[in-house]
Amino acid sequence: MEPLQDEAPRILVVDDERVIREILSDFLMMEGMVVRTAENGEAAIAELQKRPYNLVISDLKMPKMGGLELLGNINDLNLNLLTVIMTGFGTVETAIEAMKNGAYDYVLKPFKVEEVVHIVERGLERQRLQMENMRLKEALSLYKISEAMSQSLSLDHVLEIILDASLEELHADLVTLLFPGDIPGTFVERIRRGAKGTSAMRPEQLNTEELLRCFDHDLPVLAHGTKALRFVSSPADSPRIVSFCALPLTVHHQVLGMMIACSFSRGHKFSEGQRKMLSVLGSRAAVSIENAKLYQNLLQSNRGLEVANLRLEENFRQTIVGFVTALEENDKYTRGHSERVSVYTRMIAEAMGLPENEVERVALSAKIHDIGKIGIPTEKLNKVGRLTAEETALFRTHPEKGRRILEPIPFLRDLVPGAYCHHENFDGTGYPQGLRGEEIPLFGRIISVADAYDAMTSDRAYRKAMPVAEVIAEMRSCSGAQFDPEIVKAFLTAIQRNRQQTAAVQISFPAIAAAGPAA
């Protein structure tokens, strides 16, 4: 239990001799302290469970319950207070033993009142320093909590942080967050219970009109015992509320909800300092909740836009693919080339065990890998004889042109490596950059194999299609020079696997079906 540091120090004097209780009470009250008395340990425990104290001065030997037993009960109840033991000369060893068990100090009878006052003031100063250190730690904890909330845009996560932090920092038995429901007069609640918070406070128990009135007038809501009934009713089947604290969650003068903390533990009342700390936490929590709600609303409002964007992107992709197909349709030698290269590319990617999204991307990249040829006259592409140096240079510009076409389009940018690098050679002799080995992007290396296979197994203006066995032999011989050896291996494995495919696939791709056994 936390003592009330924002009020005058509260002292409990426990002694079976009335005169000693009265003398100590008078002198300590003269020092500005609030003092109550008890005649034995049992009465002291009952009083300590009613209200918080800073320090207990207790006689060692008393009827019913002595000082040592009282000290043990204070420790068992986890009461955060100091204990000073009074004893005669003959029991000094017992008093020292009491200090080993948690007592702050001891006073020998007969005593001088000034000595007792000095011990009490010294103990209160020590307690004040301890509380100041604790508040510094709480401030650091509050800062960390605030940072965690500010970094999260998940509403559920923010609410969990608020509830856990409030329960821990206030040592509360129950913390509730209430938000207005969709139906007027209803509430949505989030609850976190401590050791004694086994029963949830039902929203209908709250006098929300009175709470909102206090919030509107910036009045603090901190009540104890029967005074808490102003804000909340306590049915017979519910534990009795010992302390009640509530605050609004406000952003831009608009109440988003309210945070409520309850104590059901006898003697444990929330302090004004704790209410202020909860208020600081609540103000930061309100901003985080508002941010999380705005983010969720933004996500929901963007879903339709995202769907529309995806449709536009897909339509644009299909337009590009359709444009490449239309370009090839005008040339009997390249008709269907990009579609076949895409099929071979997918076979390679699957044989290599690439993730499904990567398989789809590289297959799409293969469909548009020759889009740069849009700027090269068809008669140059289909020239029967050997190309001149100028014609070769013109032909070799198509990867760069493809890059320039695709790169400005954000959702096609990840397809650029396939279109730009499919004529790079594994040994560094390719173009347009002369990249070597794994410097060549994976998409470029895959499409290079698929593109070469289709080119060699198709009729061209300058030659007839090569037999599949010769093509496979050529690809093996160029493995490590023109092609990535691992990709050639994966492609030949895929060809062998496809020999077992259905007749429909064999008819569609006779070159694959006619391929001999692959090594």
Protein backbone atom coordinates (compact mmCIF):
# COMPACT_ATOMS: atom_id res chain seq x y z
CA MET A 1 0.00 0.00 0.00
CA GLU A 2 1.39 3.40 -0.95
CA PRO A 3 1.40 6.09 1.78
CA LEU A 4 -0.18 9.44 1.06
CA GLN A 5 2.90 11.49 0.26
CA ASP A 6 0.87 14.50 -0.90
CA GLU A 7 -0.67 14.95 2.60
CA ALA A 8 0.74 15.46 6.10
CA PRO A 9 2.63 12.37 7.36
CA ARG A 10 0.31 9.84 9.03
CA ILE A 11 1.63 8.13 12.15
CA LEU A 12 0.06 5.22 14.08
CA VAL A 13 1.15 4.87 17.74
CA VAL A 14 0.57 1.38 19.19
CA ASP A 15 1.02 0.84 22.95
CA ASP A 16 -1.04 -0.78 25.69
CA GLU A 17 -0.22 2.16 28.02
CA ARG A 18 -2.62 5.03 27.40
CA VAL A 19 -0.32 7.70 28.80
CA ILE A 20 2.46 6.80 26.35
CA ARG A 21 0.00 6.89 23.43
CA GLU A 22 -1.24 10.33 24.47
CA ILE A 23 2.24 11.83 25.06
CA LEU A 24 3.58 10.67 21.71
CA SER A 25 0.38 11.69 19.92
CA ASP A 26 0.50 15.25 21.35
CA PHE A 27 4.17 15.84 20.51
CA LEU A 28 3.97 14.39 16.99
CA MET A 29 0.84 16.44 16.18
CA MET A 30 2.75 19.53 17.33
CA GLU A 31 5.21 18.69 14.53
CA GLY A 32 2.38 18.82 11.94
CA MET A 33 1.76 15.09 11.69
CA VAL A 34 -1.59 13.27 11.63
CA VAL A 35 -1.58 10.78 14.50
CA ARG A 36 -3.90 7.94 15.47
CA THR A 37 -3.44 5.38 18.24
CA ALA A 38 -4.15 1.71 18.92
CA GLU A 39 -3.89 -0.25 22.18
CA ASN A 40 -2.44 -3.48 20.68
CA GLY A 41 -1.36 -5.19 17.48
CA GLU A 42 -4.84 -6.46 16.55
CA ALA A 43 -6.33 -2.97 16.73
CA ALA A 44 -3.35 -1.63 14.77
CA ILE A 45 -3.87 -4.13 11.91
CA ALA A 46 -7.57 -3.21 11.74
CA GLU A 47 -6.66 0.48 11.52
CA LEU A 48 -3.92 -0.08 8.93
CA GLN A 49 -6.43 -1.81 6.66
CA LYS A 50 -8.76 1.17 6.81
CA ARG A 51 -6.37 3.91 5.73
CA PRO A 52 -2.74 4.34 4.67
CA TYR A 53 0.05 5.35 7.07
CA ASN A 54 3.64 6.43 6.68
CA LEU A 55 5.02 5.09 9.94
CA VAL A 56 4.03 2.89 12.91
CA ILE A 57 5.54 3.32 16.41
CA SER A 58 4.82 0.10 18.33
CA ASP A 59 5.58 -1.23 21.78
CA LEU A 60 7.30 -4.61 21.77
CA LYS A 61 5.24 -6.37 24.47
CA MET A 62 1.45 -5.93 24.39
CA PRO A 63 -1.56 -8.18 25.09
CA LYS A 64 -3.34 -10.02 22.20
CA MET A 65 -0.64 -9.12 19.65
CA GLY A 66 2.84 -7.81 20.39
CA GLY A 67 5.20 -5.74 18.30
CA LEU A 68 7.01 -8.65 16.64
CA GLU A 69 3.75 -10.28 15.53
CA LEU A 70 2.46 -6.91 14.34
CA LEU A 71 5.64 -6.46 12.28
CA GLY A 72 5.12 -9.90 10.74
CA ASN A 73 1.52 -9.05 9.80
CA ILE A 74 2.64 -5.75 8.26
CA ASN A 75 5.14 -7.65 6.13
CA ASP A 76 2.54 -10.27 5.14
CA LEU A 77 0.08 -7.55 4.10
CA ASN A 78 2.82 -5.88 2.07
CA LEU A 79 2.08 -2.49 3.65
CA ASN A 80 4.54 0.11 2.45
CA LEU A 81 5.38 1.84 5.73
CA LEU A 82 8.15 2.16 8.32
CA THR A 83 8.04 0.55 11.77
CA VAL A 84 9.76 1.80 14.92
CA ILE A 85 9.83 -0.60 17.90
CA MET A 86 9.74 0.65 21.55
CA THR A 87 11.32 -1.62 24.16
CA GLY A 88 12.89 -1.70 27.62
CA PHE A 89 16.62 -2.21 28.31
CA GLY A 90 16.11 -5.92 29.03
CA THR A 91 14.81 -6.71 25.55
CA VAL A 92 17.27 -4.81 23.34
CA GLU A 93 18.32 -8.04 21.62
CA THR A 94 14.69 -8.69 20.66
CA ALA A 95 14.39 -5.17 19.23
CA ILE A 96 17.52 -5.71 17.16
CA GLU A 97 16.02 -8.99 15.91
CA ALA A 98 12.92 -6.99 14.92
CA MET A 99 15.10 -4.66 12.85
CA LYS A 100 16.54 -7.69 11.07
CA ASN A 101 12.96 -8.60 10.17
CA GLY A 102 12.22 -5.20 8.64
CA ALA A 103 11.79 -2.67 11.46
CA TYR A 104 13.29 0.74 10.66
CA ASP A 105 14.63 1.56 14.18
CA TYR A 106 14.00 1.05 17.89
CA VAL A 107 13.54 3.32 20.94
CA LEU A 108 14.54 2.39 24.48
CA LYS A 109 12.13 3.04 27.35
CA PRO A 110 12.09 5.31 29.21
CA PHE A 111 12.61 7.62 26.25
CA LYS A 112 12.93 11.32 25.60
CA VAL A 113 10.14 12.58 23.38
CA GLU A 114 12.63 14.68 21.40
CA GLU A 115 14.54 11.49 20.56
CA VAL A 116 11.38 9.80 19.27
CA VAL A 117 10.49 12.86 17.17
CA HIS A 118 14.01 12.88 15.72
CA ILE A 119 13.80 9.17 14.78
CA VAL A 120 10.37 9.70 13.18
CA GLU A 121 11.53 12.74 11.18
CA ARG A 122 14.63 10.88 10.02
CA GLY A 123 12.50 7.92 8.94
CA LEU A 124 10.02 10.15 7.10
CA GLU A 125 12.89 11.87 5.26
CA ARG A 126 14.26 8.49 4.24
CA GLN A 127 10.80 7.46 3.07
CA ARG A 128 10.44 10.72 1.12
CA LEU A 129 13.73 10.08 -0.70
CA GLN A 130 12.66 6.51 -1.44
CA MET A 131 9.35 7.73 -2.81
CA GLU A 132 11.11 10.36 -4.93
CA ASN A 133 13.35 7.65 -6.36
CA MET A 134 10.28 5.50 -6.99
CA ARG A 135 8.57 8.36 -8.79
CA LEU A 136 11.60 8.85 -10.98
CA LYS A 137 11.41 5.16 -11.88
CA GLU A 138 7.69 5.55 -12.52
CA ALA A 139 8.40 8.52 -14.79
CA LEU A 140 10.89 6.42 -16.73
CA SER A 141 8.38 3.58 -16.89
CA LEU A 142 5.70 6.02 -18.07
CA TYR A 143 8.04 7.31 -20.76
CA LYS A 144 8.74 3.78 -22.00
CA ILE A 145 5.01 2.99 -21.99
CA SER A 146 4.28 6.18 -23.93
CA GLU A 147 6.95 5.35 -26.48
CA ALA A 148 5.53 1.86 -26.94
CA MET A 149 2.06 3.30 -27.51
CA SER A 150 3.31 5.95 -29.93
CA GLN A 151 5.05 3.30 -32.03
CA SER A 152 2.00 1.08 -32.43
CA LEU A 153 -0.85 1.63 -34.87
CA SER A 154 -2.72 -1.47 -33.75
CA LEU A 155 -5.72 -0.42 -31.64
CA ASP A 156 -5.85 -3.75 -29.81
CA HIS A 157 -2.14 -3.53 -28.97
CA VAL A 158 -2.48 0.05 -27.69
CA LEU A 159 -5.42 -0.93 -25.45
CA GLU A 160 -3.48 -3.88 -24.03
CA ILE A 161 -0.51 -1.61 -23.20
CA ILE A 162 -2.80 0.91 -21.45
CA LEU A 163 -4.56 -1.73 -19.36
CA ASP A 164 -1.40 -3.54 -18.31
CA ALA A 165 0.43 -0.30 -17.46
CA SER A 166 -2.49 1.14 -15.45
CA LEU A 167 -2.95 -2.05 -13.46
CA GLU A 168 0.76 -2.24 -12.62
CA GLU A 169 1.45 1.43 -11.91
CA LEU A 170 -1.58 1.94 -9.64
CA HIS A 171 -1.42 -1.52 -8.02
CA ALA A 172 -5.12 -1.62 -8.87
CA ASP A 173 -7.40 -4.65 -8.62
CA LEU A 174 -9.41 -3.73 -11.72
CA VAL A 175 -8.87 -1.41 -14.66
CA THR A 176 -11.58 -0.84 -17.25
CA LEU A 177 -11.63 1.07 -20.53
CA LEU A 178 -15.11 2.10 -21.68
CA PHE A 179 -16.04 3.37 -25.14
CA PRO A 180 -19.47 4.40 -26.43
CA GLY A 181 -21.14 1.60 -28.38
CA ASP A 182 -22.89 1.86 -31.73
CA ILE A 183 -26.25 1.96 -29.94
CA PRO A 184 -26.79 5.11 -27.79
CA GLY A 185 -26.43 4.40 -24.08
CA THR A 186 -24.37 1.23 -24.60
CA PHE A 187 -20.66 0.76 -23.97
CA VAL A 188 -17.83 -1.41 -25.22
CA GLU A 189 -15.47 -2.38 -22.42
CA ARG A 190 -11.95 -3.75 -22.14
CA ILE A 191 -10.95 -5.12 -18.72
CA ARG A 192 -7.78 -6.10 -16.95
CA ARG A 193 -8.03 -7.70 -13.49
CA GLY A 194 -5.50 -7.93 -10.69
CA ALA A 195 -5.37 -10.47 -7.87
CA LYS A 196 -8.61 -9.26 -6.26
CA GLY A 197 -10.34 -8.00 -9.38
CA THR A 198 -12.17 -11.26 -10.00
CA SER A 199 -15.48 -9.54 -10.68
CA ALA A 200 -15.77 -7.17 -13.61
CA MET A 201 -17.48 -3.85 -13.06
CA ARG A 202 -20.52 -3.82 -15.32
CA PRO A 203 -21.04 -0.61 -17.31
CA GLU A 204 -24.59 -0.29 -15.99
CA GLN A 205 -23.15 0.13 -12.48
CA LEU A 206 -21.55 3.42 -13.50
CA ASN A 207 -23.22 6.78 -13.12
CA THR A 208 -21.93 7.94 -16.50
CA GLU A 209 -23.88 11.20 -16.32
CA GLU A 210 -22.10 12.19 -13.11
CA LEU A 211 -18.72 11.10 -14.49
CA LEU A 212 -19.22 13.10 -17.70
CA ARG A 213 -20.35 16.12 -15.68
CA CYS A 214 -17.11 15.98 -13.69
CA PHE A 215 -15.11 15.55 -16.90
CA ASP A 216 -16.87 18.55 -18.50
CA HIS A 217 -15.91 20.74 -15.52
CA ASP A 218 -12.36 19.30 -15.30
CA LEU A 219 -13.09 17.96 -11.82
CA PRO A 220 -10.84 15.12 -10.62
CA VAL A 221 -12.65 11.85 -9.98
CA LEU A 222 -10.99 10.21 -6.99
CA ALA A 223 -13.24 8.79 -4.26
CA HIS A 224 -12.89 6.31 -1.43
CA GLY A 225 -15.35 4.06 0.37
CA THR A 226 -18.96 5.28 0.48
CA LYS A 227 -18.01 8.47 -1.41
CA ALA A 228 -17.34 6.31 -4.47
CA LEU A 229 -21.07 5.42 -4.56
CA ARG A 230 -21.59 8.82 -6.16
CA PHE A 231 -20.05 7.37 -9.31
CA VAL A 232 -20.68 3.63 -9.09
CA SER A 233 -23.17 1.32 -7.41
CA SER A 234 -21.95 -1.77 -5.61
CA PRO A 235 -24.41 -4.71 -5.84
CA ALA A 236 -24.49 -7.24 -3.06
CA ASP A 237 -22.74 -9.88 -5.18
CA SER A 238 -19.83 -7.52 -6.01
CA PRO A 239 -16.81 -6.82 -3.83
CA ARG A 240 -16.94 -3.54 -1.95
CA ILE A 241 -15.03 -0.75 -3.69
CA VAL A 242 -12.40 0.75 -1.42
CA SER A 243 -11.05 3.32 -3.89
CA PHE A 244 -12.30 4.60 -7.24
CA CYS A 245 -10.47 6.68 -9.84
CA ALA A 246 -11.69 7.70 -13.31
CA LEU A 247 -10.52 9.99 -16.06
CA PRO A 248 -11.64 10.85 -19.59
CA LEU A 249 -9.71 9.89 -22.71
CA THR A 250 -9.87 13.20 -24.56
CA VAL A 251 -8.52 14.39 -27.90
CA HIS A 252 -9.30 17.90 -29.23
CA HIS A 253 -11.83 18.39 -26.40
CA GLN A 254 -13.73 15.30 -27.53
CA VAL A 255 -14.21 12.44 -25.07
CA LEU A 256 -13.28 9.16 -26.78
CA GLY A 257 -13.98 7.06 -23.71
CA MET A 258 -13.00 6.76 -20.07
CA MET A 259 -10.47 4.87 -17.99
CA ILE A 260 -11.50 3.56 -14.58
CA ALA A 261 -9.36 2.01 -11.84
CA CYS A 262 -10.75 0.28 -8.74
CA SER A 263 -9.26 -1.05 -5.53
CA PHE A 264 -11.06 -3.73 -3.52
CA SER A 265 -8.19 -4.19 -1.04
CA ARG A 266 -8.87 -2.90 2.44
CA GLY A 267 -6.63 0.04 3.27
CA HIS A 268 -5.42 0.51 -0.32
CA LYS A 269 -6.61 3.89 -1.56
CA PHE A 270 -5.36 5.59 -4.68
CA SER A 271 -3.41 8.75 -3.95
CA GLU A 272 -3.74 12.07 -5.74
CA GLY A 273 -0.24 11.46 -7.10
CA GLN A 274 -1.40 8.19 -8.62
CA ARG A 275 -4.44 9.90 -10.11
CA LYS A 276 -2.19 12.52 -11.72
CA MET A 277 0.10 9.82 -13.06
CA LEU A 278 -2.90 7.97 -14.50
CA SER A 279 -4.06 11.25 -16.03
CA VAL A 280 -0.72 11.67 -17.82
CA LEU A 281 -0.90 8.09 -19.04
CA GLY A 282 -4.51 8.61 -20.12
CA SER A 283 -3.75 11.74 -22.13
CA ARG A 284 -0.99 9.94 -24.03
CA ALA A 285 -3.21 6.89 -24.38
CA ALA A 286 -6.03 8.99 -25.89
CA VAL A 287 -3.70 10.29 -28.61
CA SER A 288 -2.47 6.77 -29.34
CA ILE A 289 -6.04 5.44 -29.48
CA GLU A 290 -7.05 8.25 -31.83
CA ASN A 291 -4.04 7.58 -34.06
CA ALA A 292 -4.81 3.85 -34.11
CA LYS A 293 -8.46 4.54 -35.00
CA LEU A 294 -7.49 6.97 -37.73
CA TYR A 295 -5.07 4.41 -39.11
CA GLN A 296 -7.72 1.68 -39.08
CA ASN A 297 -10.24 4.01 -40.74
CA LEU A 298 -7.61 4.89 -43.32
CA LEU A 299 -6.99 1.21 -44.01
CA GLN A 300 -10.70 0.54 -44.41
CA SER A 301 -11.27 3.55 -46.64
CA ASN A 302 -8.26 2.59 -48.75
CA ARG A 303 -9.36 -1.00 -49.32
CA GLY A 304 -11.68 -0.04 -52.16
CA LEU A 305 -9.01 2.18 -53.65
CA GLU A 306 -6.44 -0.61 -53.35
CA VAL A 307 -8.77 -3.04 -55.14
CA ALA A 308 -9.31 -0.49 -57.89
CA ASN A 309 -5.55 0.12 -58.15
CA LEU A 310 -4.89 -3.61 -58.36
CA ARG A 311 -7.41 -3.89 -61.17
CA LEU A 312 -5.80 -0.97 -62.98
CA GLU A 313 -2.36 -2.51 -62.51
CA GLU A 314 -3.54 -5.86 -63.80
CA ASN A 315 -5.24 -4.21 -66.77
CA PHE A 316 -2.06 -2.31 -67.53
CA ARG A 317 0.03 -5.49 -67.28
CA GLN A 318 -2.33 -7.26 -69.63
CA THR A 319 -2.13 -4.30 -71.99
CA ILE A 320 1.68 -4.50 -72.05
CA VAL A 321 1.55 -8.29 -72.56
CA GLY A 322 -1.07 -7.84 -75.26
CA PHE A 323 1.08 -5.24 -76.95
CA VAL A 324 4.05 -7.65 -77.04
CA THR A 325 1.78 -10.40 -78.38
CA ALA A 326 0.43 -8.10 -81.09
CA LEU A 327 3.99 -7.13 -82.01
CA GLU A 328 4.97 -10.78 -82.43
CA GLU A 329 1.81 -11.63 -84.36
CA ASN A 330 3.08 -9.50 -87.25
CA ASP A 331 6.13 -11.75 -87.55
CA LYS A 332 5.63 -15.43 -88.44
CA TYR A 333 9.07 -16.26 -87.03
CA THR A 334 8.57 -14.78 -83.57
CA ARG A 335 4.84 -15.46 -83.21
CA GLY A 336 4.23 -16.97 -79.75
CA HIS A 337 7.90 -16.60 -78.77
CA SER A 338 7.37 -14.62 -75.55
CA GLU A 339 4.53 -16.88 -74.41
CA ARG A 340 6.69 -19.99 -74.89
CA VAL A 341 9.64 -18.34 -73.14
CA SER A 342 7.31 -17.58 -70.23
CA VAL A 343 6.27 -21.27 -70.06
CA TYR A 344 9.89 -22.44 -70.07
CA THR A 345 10.77 -19.79 -67.50
CA ARG A 346 8.03 -21.00 -65.17
CA MET A 347 9.32 -24.58 -65.57
CA ILE A 348 12.81 -23.47 -64.54
CA ALA A 349 11.62 -21.38 -61.58
CA GLU A 350 9.48 -24.23 -60.25
CA ALA A 351 12.30 -26.74 -60.72
CA MET A 352 14.57 -24.39 -58.74
CA GLY A 353 12.00 -24.32 -55.91
CA LEU A 354 11.40 -20.57 -56.03
CA PRO A 355 8.46 -19.20 -53.98
CA GLU A 356 5.17 -18.96 -55.85
CA ASN A 357 5.22 -15.15 -55.98
CA GLU A 358 8.72 -15.26 -57.50
CA VAL A 359 7.60 -17.85 -60.05
CA GLU A 360 4.73 -15.58 -61.11
CA ARG A 361 6.98 -12.52 -61.35
CA VAL A 362 9.68 -14.16 -63.45
CA ALA A 363 7.05 -15.74 -65.73
CA LEU A 364 5.45 -12.33 -66.30
CA SER A 365 8.88 -10.79 -66.84
CA ALA A 366 9.53 -13.40 -69.53
CA LYS A 367 6.29 -12.47 -71.33
CA ILE A 368 7.52 -8.92 -71.83
CA HIS A 369 11.29 -9.53 -72.04
CA ASP A 370 11.44 -8.45 -75.71
CA ILE A 371 9.26 -5.34 -75.41
CA GLY A 372 12.29 -3.24 -76.34
CA LYS A 373 12.16 -4.62 -79.89
CA ILE A 374 9.26 -2.25 -80.47
CA GLY A 375 11.78 0.26 -81.78
CA ILE A 376 13.55 -2.12 -84.22
CA PRO A 377 12.21 -2.57 -87.77
CA THR A 378 10.90 -6.09 -88.47
CA GLU A 379 13.01 -6.44 -91.61
CA LYS A 380 16.13 -5.91 -89.55
CA LEU A 381 15.07 -8.55 -87.05
CA ASN A 382 14.36 -11.08 -89.80
CA LYS A 383 17.32 -10.39 -92.06
CA VAL A 384 18.38 -13.62 -93.82
CA GLY A 385 22.07 -12.85 -94.08
CA ARG A 386 24.67 -11.83 -91.54
CA LEU A 387 23.97 -8.56 -89.72
CA THR A 388 26.29 -5.61 -90.28
CA ALA A 389 28.04 -4.01 -87.34
CA GLU A 390 25.49 -1.19 -87.36
CA GLU A 391 22.58 -3.64 -87.46
CA THR A 392 24.09 -5.66 -84.62
CA ALA A 393 24.46 -2.52 -82.54
CA LEU A 394 20.84 -1.58 -83.31
CA PHE A 395 19.61 -5.06 -82.31
CA ARG A 396 21.53 -4.91 -79.04
CA THR A 397 19.67 -1.76 -77.99
CA HIS A 398 16.42 -3.63 -77.28
CA PRO A 399 17.26 -4.56 -73.63
CA GLU A 400 17.98 -0.90 -72.84
CA LYS A 401 14.81 0.21 -74.63
CA GLY A 402 12.84 -2.37 -72.66
CA ARG A 403 14.28 -1.00 -69.42
CA ARG A 404 13.31 2.56 -70.38
CA ILE A 405 9.75 1.46 -71.18
CA LEU A 406 9.20 -0.49 -67.94
CA GLU A 407 11.18 1.44 -65.31
CA PRO A 408 8.90 4.51 -65.08
CA ILE A 409 5.93 2.25 -64.22
CA PRO A 410 6.16 1.55 -60.43
CA PHE A 411 4.34 -1.80 -60.43
CA LEU A 412 6.36 -3.10 -63.40
CA ARG A 413 9.71 -1.96 -62.02
CA ASP A 414 10.47 -5.35 -60.44
CA LEU A 415 10.24 -6.93 -63.94
CA VAL A 416 13.04 -4.76 -65.32
CA PRO A 417 15.95 -7.14 -64.46
CA GLY A 418 14.48 -9.89 -66.67
CA ALA A 419 13.95 -7.61 -69.69
CA TYR A 420 17.23 -5.76 -69.23
CA CYS A 421 19.61 -8.63 -68.49
CA HIS A 422 18.38 -11.64 -70.51
CA HIS A 423 21.28 -11.25 -72.99
CA GLU A 424 24.01 -11.15 -70.32
CA ASN A 425 26.36 -14.16 -70.45
CA PHE A 426 27.53 -16.04 -67.38
CA ASP A 427 31.19 -15.55 -68.38
CA GLY A 428 30.79 -11.77 -68.78
CA THR A 429 30.75 -11.64 -72.59
CA GLY A 430 27.09 -10.64 -72.92
CA TYR A 431 25.36 -7.26 -73.20
CA PRO A 432 24.30 -4.56 -72.42
CA GLN A 433 26.44 -4.36 -69.23
CA GLY A 434 28.86 -7.28 -69.54
CA LEU A 435 27.89 -8.65 -66.12
CA ARG A 436 29.46 -11.90 -64.92
CA GLY A 437 28.14 -14.83 -62.86
CA GLU A 438 25.80 -13.89 -60.03
CA GLU A 439 26.23 -10.21 -60.85
CA ILE A 440 23.52 -10.98 -63.40
CA PRO A 441 20.08 -10.79 -61.73
CA LEU A 442 18.43 -14.18 -61.26
CA PHE A 443 15.51 -13.27 -63.53
CA GLY A 444 17.95 -12.40 -66.33
CA ARG A 445 19.84 -15.69 -65.95
CA ILE A 446 16.61 -17.74 -66.02
CA ILE A 447 15.08 -15.97 -69.02
CA SER A 448 18.40 -16.24 -70.88
CA VAL A 449 18.18 -20.06 -70.81
CA ALA A 450 14.47 -20.13 -71.72
CA ASP A 451 14.93 -17.54 -74.49
CA ALA A 452 17.88 -19.39 -76.08
CA TYR A 453 16.06 -22.74 -75.96
CA ASP A 454 13.01 -21.35 -77.74
CA ALA A 455 15.12 -19.48 -80.31
CA MET A 456 17.07 -22.63 -81.20
CA THR A 457 13.98 -24.87 -81.39
CA SER A 458 12.02 -22.40 -83.57
CA ASP A 459 12.27 -21.56 -87.28
CA ARG A 460 13.92 -18.23 -88.00
CA ALA A 461 14.47 -16.29 -91.26
CA TYR A 462 18.14 -17.14 -91.26
CA ARG A 463 17.84 -20.88 -90.34
CA LYS A 464 15.51 -23.78 -89.62
CA ALA A 465 14.72 -25.02 -86.12
CA MET A 466 17.44 -27.21 -84.66
CA PRO A 467 16.68 -30.77 -83.46
CA VAL A 468 15.98 -30.84 -79.74
CA ALA A 469 18.85 -33.26 -79.05
CA GLU A 470 21.28 -30.82 -80.68
CA VAL A 471 19.81 -27.93 -78.71
CA ILE A 472 20.26 -29.79 -75.43
CA ALA A 473 23.82 -30.68 -76.36
CA GLU A 474 24.49 -27.04 -77.27
CA MET A 475 23.06 -25.81 -73.95
CA ARG A 476 25.21 -28.28 -72.02
CA SER A 477 28.30 -27.16 -73.91
CA CYS A 478 27.49 -23.49 -73.20
CA SER A 479 26.80 -24.17 -69.50
CA GLY A 480 29.22 -22.03 -67.49
CA ALA A 481 29.95 -19.79 -70.47
CA GLN A 482 26.72 -18.36 -71.86
CA PHE A 483 24.42 -19.89 -69.23
CA ASP A 484 24.34 -20.34 -65.46
CA PRO A 485 25.13 -24.08 -64.94
CA GLU A 486 22.61 -24.46 -62.13
CA ILE A 487 19.83 -23.00 -64.23
CA VAL A 488 20.70 -25.24 -67.21
CA LYS A 489 20.59 -28.22 -64.86
CA ALA A 490 17.19 -27.13 -63.51
CA PHE A 491 15.85 -26.63 -67.05
CA LEU A 492 16.95 -30.04 -68.28
CA THR A 493 15.45 -31.61 -65.17
CA ALA A 494 12.19 -29.80 -65.92
CA ILE A 495 12.24 -31.05 -69.52
CA GLN A 496 12.67 -34.62 -68.35
CA ARG A 497 9.81 -34.20 -65.89
CA ASN A 498 7.55 -32.75 -68.57
CA ARG A 499 8.02 -35.84 -70.75
CA GLN A 500 5.57 -37.46 -68.32
CA GLN A 501 2.95 -34.77 -68.80
CA THR A 502 -0.40 -35.20 -70.46
CA ALA A 503 -0.82 -35.60 -74.19
CA ALA A 504 -2.38 -32.15 -74.37
CA VAL A 505 0.82 -30.55 -73.12
CA GLN A 506 2.86 -32.72 -75.47
CA ILE A 507 0.78 -31.59 -78.44
CA SER A 508 1.07 -27.95 -77.39
CA PHE A 509 4.85 -28.18 -76.96
CA PRO A 510 6.15 -30.93 -79.30
CA ALA A 511 9.72 -29.75 -78.85
CA ILE A 512 9.57 -30.68 -75.17
CA ALA A 513 7.96 -34.05 -75.88
CA ALA A 514 10.58 -34.88 -78.50
CA ALA A 515 13.48 -34.11 -76.17
CA GLY A 516 15.66 -37.09 -75.39
CA PRO A 517 16.59 -38.17 -71.87
CA ALA A 518 18.36 -35.38 -70.01
CA ALA A 519 21.46 -35.97 -67.97
